[in-house]
Amino acid sequence: MLGIGLSALLCTNIGWVLFDMIDHYISSYIIVGIVLLECISVGWIFEAETTAKGPDQHAGHERGLSFLGIVYWVPVVTICFYAHFGYSD
């Protein structure tokens, strides 16, 4: 019902303005945020061993990085799995 309501708004006289606003915010802000998160996650994966086992790190640092990795990656994988398989064509 929400999709029908939003689609109906795009069919009105202000639909083009609303569509242009949605397109502007998606391309200007959301995509930049996604790219930033991807850069952080790629850097996190490629530098995991050197970051966790550096000579100046204390014993709990590796455990903390593991916890942060779980807190970050479990929701990302869960949301992506649901978004991919949760919506049928």
N, C-alpha and C. Protein backbone atom coordinates (compact mmCIF):
# COMPACT_ATOMS: atom_id res chain seq x y z
N MET A 1 0.82 -1.20 0.00
CA MET A 1 0.00 0.00 0.00
C MET A 1 0.87 1.27 0.00
N LEU A 2 2.00 1.18 0.68
CA LEU A 2 2.89 2.33 0.70
C LEU A 2 3.45 2.60 -0.70
N GLY A 3 3.81 1.54 -1.42
CA GLY A 3 4.31 1.70 -2.79
C GLY A 3 3.26 2.28 -3.72
N ILE A 4 2.02 1.85 -3.55
CA ILE A 4 0.93 2.40 -4.37
C ILE A 4 0.75 3.88 -4.07
N GLY A 5 0.81 4.24 -2.78
CA GLY A 5 0.65 5.64 -2.41
C GLY A 5 1.77 6.52 -2.95
N LEU A 6 3.01 6.04 -2.87
CA LEU A 6 4.12 6.81 -3.40
C LEU A 6 4.07 6.90 -4.92
N SER A 7 3.69 5.82 -5.56
CA SER A 7 3.56 5.85 -7.02
C SER A 7 2.44 6.79 -7.46
N ALA A 8 1.36 6.84 -6.70
CA ALA A 8 0.26 7.75 -7.03
C ALA A 8 0.71 9.20 -6.90
N LEU A 9 1.58 9.50 -5.93
CA LEU A 9 2.10 10.86 -5.81
C LEU A 9 2.90 11.27 -7.04
N LEU A 10 3.62 10.32 -7.62
CA LEU A 10 4.42 10.65 -8.80
C LEU A 10 3.55 10.88 -10.03
N CYS A 11 2.30 10.49 -9.99
CA CYS A 11 1.39 10.68 -11.13
C CYS A 11 0.64 12.01 -11.07
N THR A 12 0.83 12.78 -10.03
CA THR A 12 0.13 14.06 -9.90
C THR A 12 0.90 15.16 -10.63
N ASN A 13 0.41 16.39 -10.50
CA ASN A 13 1.06 17.52 -11.16
C ASN A 13 2.45 17.81 -10.61
N ILE A 14 2.65 17.55 -9.32
CA ILE A 14 3.98 17.80 -8.75
C ILE A 14 4.86 16.55 -8.80
N GLY A 15 4.43 15.54 -9.53
CA GLY A 15 5.16 14.28 -9.61
C GLY A 15 6.57 14.43 -10.15
N TRP A 16 6.74 15.27 -11.18
CA TRP A 16 8.08 15.46 -11.74
C TRP A 16 9.00 16.15 -10.76
N VAL A 17 8.47 17.10 -10.03
CA VAL A 17 9.29 17.79 -9.02
C VAL A 17 9.69 16.82 -7.92
N LEU A 18 8.73 16.01 -7.46
CA LEU A 18 9.01 15.01 -6.44
C LEU A 18 10.01 13.98 -6.94
N PHE A 19 9.85 13.53 -8.16
CA PHE A 19 10.78 12.57 -8.75
C PHE A 19 12.18 13.17 -8.85
N ASP A 20 12.27 14.43 -9.25
CA ASP A 20 13.56 15.10 -9.37
C ASP A 20 14.22 15.24 -7.99
N MET A 21 13.44 15.53 -6.97
CA MET A 21 13.99 15.64 -5.62
C MET A 21 14.51 14.29 -5.13
N ILE A 22 13.74 13.23 -5.35
CA ILE A 22 14.16 11.89 -4.94
C ILE A 22 15.44 11.50 -5.67
N ASP A 23 15.49 11.76 -6.97
CA ASP A 23 16.67 11.44 -7.75
C ASP A 23 17.89 12.23 -7.28
N HIS A 24 17.69 13.49 -6.95
CA HIS A 24 18.79 14.34 -6.47
C HIS A 24 19.35 13.80 -5.17
N TYR A 25 18.51 13.49 -4.20
CA TYR A 25 18.99 13.02 -2.91
C TYR A 25 19.62 11.64 -2.99
N ILE A 26 19.09 10.77 -3.84
CA ILE A 26 19.69 9.44 -3.98
C ILE A 26 21.07 9.56 -4.61
N SER A 27 21.19 10.33 -5.70
CA SER A 27 22.46 10.41 -6.40
C SER A 27 23.47 11.28 -5.67
N SER A 28 23.03 12.24 -4.89
CA SER A 28 23.97 13.14 -4.24
C SER A 28 24.40 12.69 -2.86
N TYR A 29 23.53 12.09 -2.10
CA TYR A 29 23.85 11.80 -0.72
C TYR A 29 23.92 10.31 -0.40
N ILE A 30 22.95 9.55 -0.81
CA ILE A 30 22.91 8.14 -0.44
C ILE A 30 24.03 7.38 -1.13
N ILE A 31 24.27 7.64 -2.41
CA ILE A 31 25.34 6.95 -3.12
C ILE A 31 26.70 7.29 -2.53
N VAL A 32 26.91 8.54 -2.15
CA VAL A 32 28.18 8.92 -1.53
C VAL A 32 28.37 8.20 -0.20
N GLY A 33 27.32 8.08 0.58
CA GLY A 33 27.40 7.35 1.84
C GLY A 33 27.70 5.88 1.64
N ILE A 34 27.08 5.26 0.65
CA ILE A 34 27.33 3.85 0.35
C ILE A 34 28.78 3.65 -0.10
N VAL A 35 29.28 4.55 -0.93
CA VAL A 35 30.66 4.44 -1.40
C VAL A 35 31.63 4.58 -0.22
N LEU A 36 31.35 5.50 0.69
CA LEU A 36 32.19 5.66 1.86
C LEU A 36 32.20 4.39 2.71
N LEU A 37 31.04 3.79 2.94
CA LEU A 37 30.97 2.55 3.71
C LEU A 37 31.69 1.40 3.00
N GLU A 38 31.61 1.35 1.68
CA GLU A 38 32.34 0.32 0.93
C GLU A 38 33.85 0.50 1.06
N CYS A 39 34.32 1.73 1.00
CA CYS A 39 35.75 1.99 1.16
C CYS A 39 36.23 1.58 2.55
N ILE A 40 35.43 1.88 3.56
CA ILE A 40 35.80 1.50 4.93
C ILE A 40 35.85 -0.02 5.05
N SER A 41 34.85 -0.71 4.50
CA SER A 41 34.82 -2.16 4.64
C SER A 41 35.94 -2.84 3.86
N VAL A 42 36.29 -2.33 2.69
CA VAL A 42 37.39 -2.92 1.91
C VAL A 42 38.71 -2.70 2.65
N GLY A 43 38.93 -1.51 3.16
CA GLY A 43 40.13 -1.26 3.95
C GLY A 43 40.19 -2.12 5.19
N TRP A 44 39.05 -2.39 5.78
CA TRP A 44 38.98 -3.22 6.97
C TRP A 44 39.37 -4.66 6.64
N ILE A 45 38.91 -5.17 5.51
CA ILE A 45 39.22 -6.55 5.14
C ILE A 45 40.70 -6.70 4.77
N PHE A 46 41.24 -5.80 3.97
CA PHE A 46 42.61 -5.97 3.48
C PHE A 46 43.67 -5.68 4.55
N GLU A 47 43.32 -4.91 5.56
CA GLU A 47 44.30 -4.57 6.60
C GLU A 47 43.98 -5.25 7.92
N ALA A 48 43.18 -6.28 7.93
CA ALA A 48 42.74 -6.90 9.18
C ALA A 48 43.90 -7.50 9.97
N GLU A 49 44.77 -8.23 9.31
CA GLU A 49 45.86 -8.89 10.03
C GLU A 49 46.87 -7.89 10.58
N THR A 50 47.25 -6.90 9.79
CA THR A 50 48.24 -5.94 10.29
C THR A 50 47.66 -5.03 11.35
N THR A 51 46.37 -4.75 11.28
CA THR A 51 45.75 -3.91 12.29
C THR A 51 45.58 -4.65 13.60
N ALA A 52 45.16 -5.91 13.54
CA ALA A 52 44.88 -6.67 14.75
C ALA A 52 46.14 -7.15 15.45
N LYS A 53 47.24 -7.38 14.72
CA LYS A 53 48.43 -7.96 15.32
C LYS A 53 49.66 -7.07 15.21
N GLY A 54 49.44 -5.78 15.29
CA GLY A 54 50.57 -4.87 15.24
C GLY A 54 51.40 -4.95 16.52
N PRO A 55 52.65 -4.51 16.47
CA PRO A 55 53.52 -4.64 17.66
C PRO A 55 53.11 -3.75 18.82
N ASP A 56 52.40 -2.68 18.55
CA ASP A 56 52.02 -1.76 19.62
C ASP A 56 50.59 -1.96 20.12
N GLN A 57 49.95 -3.07 19.77
CA GLN A 57 48.57 -3.33 20.19
C GLN A 57 48.57 -4.20 21.45
N HIS A 58 47.63 -3.92 22.35
CA HIS A 58 47.52 -4.75 23.54
C HIS A 58 46.65 -5.97 23.26
N ALA A 59 46.52 -6.85 24.22
CA ALA A 59 45.88 -8.16 24.00
C ALA A 59 44.40 -8.05 23.65
N GLY A 60 43.70 -7.10 24.18
CA GLY A 60 42.26 -6.98 23.91
C GLY A 60 41.92 -6.32 22.59
N HIS A 61 42.93 -5.81 21.89
CA HIS A 61 42.67 -5.09 20.64
C HIS A 61 42.14 -6.04 19.57
N GLU A 62 42.72 -7.21 19.45
CA GLU A 62 42.26 -8.17 18.43
C GLU A 62 40.84 -8.62 18.74
N ARG A 63 40.53 -8.84 20.01
CA ARG A 63 39.18 -9.23 20.40
C ARG A 63 38.18 -8.11 20.10
N GLY A 64 38.58 -6.86 20.35
CA GLY A 64 37.72 -5.72 20.05
C GLY A 64 37.46 -5.58 18.56
N LEU A 65 38.50 -5.80 17.75
CA LEU A 65 38.30 -5.74 16.29
C LEU A 65 37.38 -6.85 15.80
N SER A 66 37.50 -8.02 16.41
CA SER A 66 36.59 -9.12 16.04
C SER A 66 35.15 -8.76 16.38
N PHE A 67 34.96 -8.18 17.55
CA PHE A 67 33.60 -7.77 17.96
C PHE A 67 33.04 -6.72 17.01
N LEU A 68 33.85 -5.72 16.68
CA LEU A 68 33.39 -4.68 15.76
C LEU A 68 33.09 -5.24 14.38
N GLY A 69 33.91 -6.21 13.94
CA GLY A 69 33.65 -6.85 12.66
C GLY A 69 32.33 -7.59 12.65
N ILE A 70 32.04 -8.30 13.73
CA ILE A 70 30.76 -9.02 13.82
C ILE A 70 29.60 -8.04 13.86
N VAL A 71 29.73 -6.97 14.64
CA VAL A 71 28.66 -5.98 14.75
C VAL A 71 28.41 -5.30 13.41
N TYR A 72 29.45 -5.13 12.59
CA TYR A 72 29.29 -4.49 11.29
C TYR A 72 28.80 -5.46 10.22
N TRP A 73 29.46 -6.63 10.10
CA TRP A 73 29.21 -7.51 8.98
C TRP A 73 27.94 -8.34 9.11
N VAL A 74 27.55 -8.73 10.30
CA VAL A 74 26.32 -9.53 10.44
C VAL A 74 25.10 -8.75 9.95
N PRO A 75 24.89 -7.50 10.38
CA PRO A 75 23.74 -6.77 9.81
C PRO A 75 23.85 -6.51 8.31
N VAL A 76 25.07 -6.24 7.82
CA VAL A 76 25.23 -5.98 6.38
C VAL A 76 24.85 -7.22 5.57
N VAL A 77 25.36 -8.38 5.97
CA VAL A 77 25.06 -9.61 5.24
C VAL A 77 23.59 -9.97 5.38
N THR A 78 23.04 -9.80 6.58
CA THR A 78 21.63 -10.12 6.80
C THR A 78 20.72 -9.23 5.96
N ILE A 79 20.98 -7.95 5.94
CA ILE A 79 20.15 -7.02 5.18
C ILE A 79 20.28 -7.30 3.68
N CYS A 80 21.51 -7.55 3.21
CA CYS A 80 21.71 -7.85 1.79
C CYS A 80 21.02 -9.15 1.39
N PHE A 81 21.10 -10.16 2.27
CA PHE A 81 20.44 -11.43 1.98
C PHE A 81 18.94 -11.23 1.89
N TYR A 82 18.37 -10.50 2.84
CA TYR A 82 16.93 -10.26 2.81
C TYR A 82 16.54 -9.44 1.59
N ALA A 83 17.34 -8.42 1.27
CA ALA A 83 17.01 -7.58 0.12
C ALA A 83 17.10 -8.37 -1.19
N HIS A 84 18.00 -9.34 -1.26
CA HIS A 84 18.16 -10.10 -2.49
C HIS A 84 17.10 -11.20 -2.62
N PHE A 85 16.89 -11.97 -1.57
CA PHE A 85 15.98 -13.10 -1.64
C PHE A 85 14.58 -12.80 -1.09
N GLY A 86 14.45 -11.70 -0.36
CA GLY A 86 13.16 -11.38 0.26
C GLY A 86 12.15 -10.81 -0.72
N TYR A 87 12.62 -10.26 -1.81
CA TYR A 87 11.72 -9.68 -2.78
C TYR A 87 11.71 -10.54 -4.04
N SER A 88 10.59 -11.10 -4.33
CA SER A 88 10.51 -11.92 -5.54
C SER A 88 10.15 -11.04 -6.74
N ASP A 89 10.57 -11.46 -7.89
CA ASP A 89 10.27 -10.69 -9.12
C ASP A 89 8.90 -10.98 -9.62
